[in-house]
Amino acid sequence: MIKGALLGLLAIQPMHGYDLKVSLDRTLGQTSKFNVGQVYTALAKLEKDGLIAPEYVARDDRSEMKVYHLTERGQEELARWFETPVEKVDLRDELFMKLTLARRTGGAEVPALIRRQRLATVRAIQELTRLKEAYHPVDEMEVILLIEGAILHLEADLQWLGLWECRARP
């Protein structure tokens, strides 16, 4: 995701690495923060792959600043990223593994595990709902949609836990 996001931000305007990190964080709101090291590592890879190129810009009070811009190959890669659907299916799920092994080993009571997970999921939904209310519905619509998507995923998890509860009875 970070590769496409950085290319997209650089399509808007050339930026310095730290400015890209701040823009990523701003785009995601308070929902997620990128580590500055992740950004610079991704930039180095994008530069190595010829998708971005640095330009050194003079500053009034300090040394030159390295500002990145998209190359033609970077623009093509960004277009490919926009056209490619996001693969969301990941069957490596920690909760599934925990429930399955608890059931198979008897190492934990599955109904108790489900109750604890359901409570944690409801709390997460409540926290996200409070977080969503902190954003302006027009100016920060994208972040609100991100949060609403996360809430929908959690609501689906609650339904899935209900299936476990019904089907995993001894």
Protein backbone atom coordinates (compact mmCIF):
# COMPACT_ATOMS: atom_id res chain seq x y z
CA MET A 1 0.00 0.00 0.00
CA ILE A 2 2.76 2.47 0.89
CA LYS A 3 4.25 2.26 -2.61
CA GLY A 4 1.01 3.26 -4.33
CA ALA A 5 0.24 5.88 -1.71
CA LEU A 6 3.63 7.56 -2.14
CA LEU A 7 3.31 7.52 -5.93
CA GLY A 8 -0.17 9.04 -5.62
CA LEU A 9 1.01 11.82 -3.33
CA LEU A 10 3.92 12.59 -5.64
CA ALA A 11 1.46 12.80 -8.55
CA ILE A 12 -0.12 15.73 -6.73
CA GLN A 13 3.20 17.52 -6.25
CA PRO A 14 6.91 16.82 -5.67
CA MET A 15 7.68 16.43 -1.95
CA HIS A 16 10.43 15.86 0.58
CA GLY A 17 10.41 12.53 2.45
CA TYR A 18 9.19 13.95 5.73
CA ASP A 19 6.45 15.93 3.95
CA LEU A 20 5.31 12.65 2.37
CA LYS A 21 5.12 11.02 5.81
CA VAL A 22 3.04 13.91 7.14
CA SER A 23 0.75 13.76 4.08
CA LEU A 24 0.25 10.01 4.54
CA ASP A 25 -0.63 10.50 8.19
CA ARG A 26 -2.98 13.37 7.35
CA THR A 27 -4.70 11.29 4.66
CA LEU A 28 -5.31 8.45 7.13
CA GLY A 29 -6.32 10.83 9.92
CA GLN A 30 -5.79 9.41 13.40
CA THR A 31 -6.50 5.89 12.14
CA SER A 32 -2.91 4.95 11.38
CA LYS A 33 0.54 6.47 11.49
CA PHE A 34 3.44 5.52 9.29
CA ASN A 35 6.90 5.21 10.74
CA VAL A 36 9.29 7.69 9.11
CA GLY A 37 11.69 4.79 8.49
CA GLN A 38 9.01 2.97 6.48
CA VAL A 39 8.58 6.02 4.26
CA TYR A 40 12.30 6.49 3.61
CA THR A 41 12.80 2.76 2.97
CA ALA A 42 9.93 2.79 0.47
CA LEU A 43 11.31 5.95 -1.19
CA ALA A 44 14.73 4.32 -1.60
CA LYS A 45 13.10 1.30 -3.27
CA LEU A 46 10.95 3.48 -5.54
CA GLU A 47 14.05 5.47 -6.55
CA LYS A 48 16.05 2.27 -7.17
CA ASP A 49 13.18 0.96 -9.34
CA GLY A 50 13.18 4.18 -11.38
CA LEU A 51 9.65 5.16 -10.36
CA ILE A 52 10.70 8.40 -8.66
CA ALA A 53 13.71 10.67 -8.98
CA PRO A 54 15.22 13.12 -6.51
CA GLU A 55 15.88 16.75 -7.14
CA TYR A 56 17.94 18.86 -4.79
CA VAL A 57 16.27 22.17 -3.99
CA ALA A 58 18.12 25.08 -2.38
CA ARG A 59 16.66 26.49 0.82
CA ASP A 60 17.20 29.97 2.23
CA ASP A 61 18.40 29.05 5.68
CA ARG A 62 19.81 25.53 5.33
CA SER A 63 21.44 23.08 2.99
CA GLU A 64 19.70 21.63 -0.03
CA MET A 65 16.59 19.53 0.43
CA LYS A 66 15.98 16.29 -1.47
CA VAL A 67 12.57 16.52 -3.14
CA TYR A 68 11.11 13.56 -5.03
CA HIS A 69 9.02 13.61 -8.18
CA LEU A 70 7.41 10.91 -10.32
CA THR A 71 9.21 9.62 -13.37
CA GLU A 72 7.36 8.50 -16.47
CA ARG A 73 7.70 4.91 -15.23
CA GLY A 74 6.30 6.05 -11.88
CA GLN A 75 3.26 7.57 -13.59
CA GLU A 76 2.70 4.30 -15.46
CA GLU A 77 3.03 2.30 -12.22
CA LEU A 78 0.58 4.63 -10.48
CA ALA A 79 -1.92 4.14 -13.32
CA ARG A 80 -1.49 0.36 -12.94
CA TRP A 81 -2.04 0.63 -9.18
CA PHE A 82 -5.27 2.58 -9.71
CA GLU A 83 -6.52 -0.01 -12.24
CA THR A 84 -5.71 -3.09 -10.15
CA PRO A 85 -8.36 -4.26 -7.66
CA VAL A 86 -7.23 -4.65 -4.05
CA GLU A 87 -7.01 -8.30 -2.98
CA LYS A 88 -8.66 -8.37 0.44
CA VAL A 89 -8.95 -12.11 1.06
CA ASP A 90 -6.46 -13.27 3.66
CA LEU A 91 -7.21 -16.61 5.19
CA ARG A 92 -4.34 -16.34 7.66
CA ASP A 93 -6.43 -15.03 10.53
CA GLU A 94 -5.15 -15.07 14.11
CA LEU A 95 -8.61 -15.21 15.68
CA PHE A 96 -9.54 -18.18 13.49
CA MET A 97 -6.33 -19.96 14.53
CA LYS A 98 -6.98 -19.20 18.20
CA LEU A 99 -10.57 -20.49 18.07
CA THR A 100 -9.62 -23.58 16.08
CA LEU A 101 -6.74 -24.56 18.34
CA ALA A 102 -8.71 -23.81 21.50
CA ARG A 103 -11.43 -26.14 20.22
CA ARG A 104 -9.02 -28.88 19.09
CA THR A 105 -6.69 -28.81 22.09
CA GLY A 106 -9.14 -27.98 24.85
CA GLY A 107 -6.57 -25.39 25.94
CA ALA A 108 -9.27 -22.77 26.40
CA GLU A 109 -13.04 -22.73 26.57
CA VAL A 110 -14.29 -21.62 23.17
CA PRO A 111 -17.48 -19.95 24.50
CA ALA A 112 -15.43 -17.87 26.96
CA LEU A 113 -12.96 -16.97 24.22
CA ILE A 114 -15.85 -15.89 21.97
CA ARG A 115 -17.38 -13.77 24.77
CA ARG A 116 -14.06 -11.99 25.39
CA GLN A 117 -13.54 -11.39 21.68
CA ARG A 118 -17.09 -10.14 21.22
CA LEU A 119 -16.60 -7.65 24.07
CA ALA A 120 -13.28 -6.46 22.61
CA THR A 121 -14.89 -6.07 19.18
CA VAL A 122 -17.83 -4.08 20.56
CA ARG A 123 -15.37 -1.80 22.39
CA ALA A 124 -13.40 -1.30 19.17
CA ILE A 125 -16.60 -0.36 17.34
CA GLN A 126 -17.45 2.14 20.08
CA GLU A 127 -13.95 3.68 19.92
CA LEU A 128 -14.11 3.98 16.13
CA THR A 129 -17.58 5.52 16.34
CA ARG A 130 -16.25 8.16 18.77
CA LEU A 131 -13.23 8.74 16.53
CA LYS A 132 -15.48 9.17 13.47
CA GLU A 133 -17.45 11.91 15.24
CA ALA A 134 -14.25 13.98 15.59
CA TYR A 135 -14.03 14.50 11.82
CA HIS A 136 -15.79 17.07 9.68
CA PRO A 137 -18.32 15.26 7.44
CA VAL A 138 -17.41 17.23 4.31
CA ASP A 139 -13.78 18.24 4.71
CA GLU A 140 -12.64 14.86 6.03
CA MET A 141 -15.08 12.57 4.24
CA GLU A 142 -12.39 10.10 3.14
CA VAL A 143 -11.21 9.46 6.71
CA ILE A 144 -14.82 9.00 7.83
CA LEU A 145 -15.32 6.44 5.07
CA LEU A 146 -12.15 4.63 6.16
CA ILE A 147 -13.42 4.44 9.73
CA GLU A 148 -16.90 3.35 8.61
CA GLY A 149 -15.30 0.56 6.56
CA ALA A 150 -13.39 -0.63 9.62
CA ILE A 151 -16.63 -0.60 11.64
CA LEU A 152 -18.36 -2.71 8.98
CA HIS A 153 -15.50 -5.24 9.12
CA LEU A 154 -15.83 -5.44 12.89
CA GLU A 155 -19.61 -5.89 12.62
CA ALA A 156 -18.96 -8.77 10.21
CA ASP A 157 -16.55 -10.24 12.81
CA LEU A 158 -19.38 -10.16 15.36
CA GLN A 159 -21.62 -12.11 12.96
CA TRP A 160 -18.80 -14.58 12.34
CA LEU A 161 -18.34 -15.07 16.09
CA GLY A 162 -22.06 -15.87 16.26
CA LEU A 163 -21.53 -18.61 13.66
CA TRP A 164 -18.70 -20.03 15.74
CA GLU A 165 -20.89 -19.96 18.79
CA CYS A 166 -23.69 -21.87 17.03
CA ARG A 167 -21.58 -24.40 15.16
CA ALA A 168 -18.73 -25.12 17.53
CA ARG A 169 -20.92 -26.41 20.36
CA PRO A 170 -19.83 -29.84 21.59
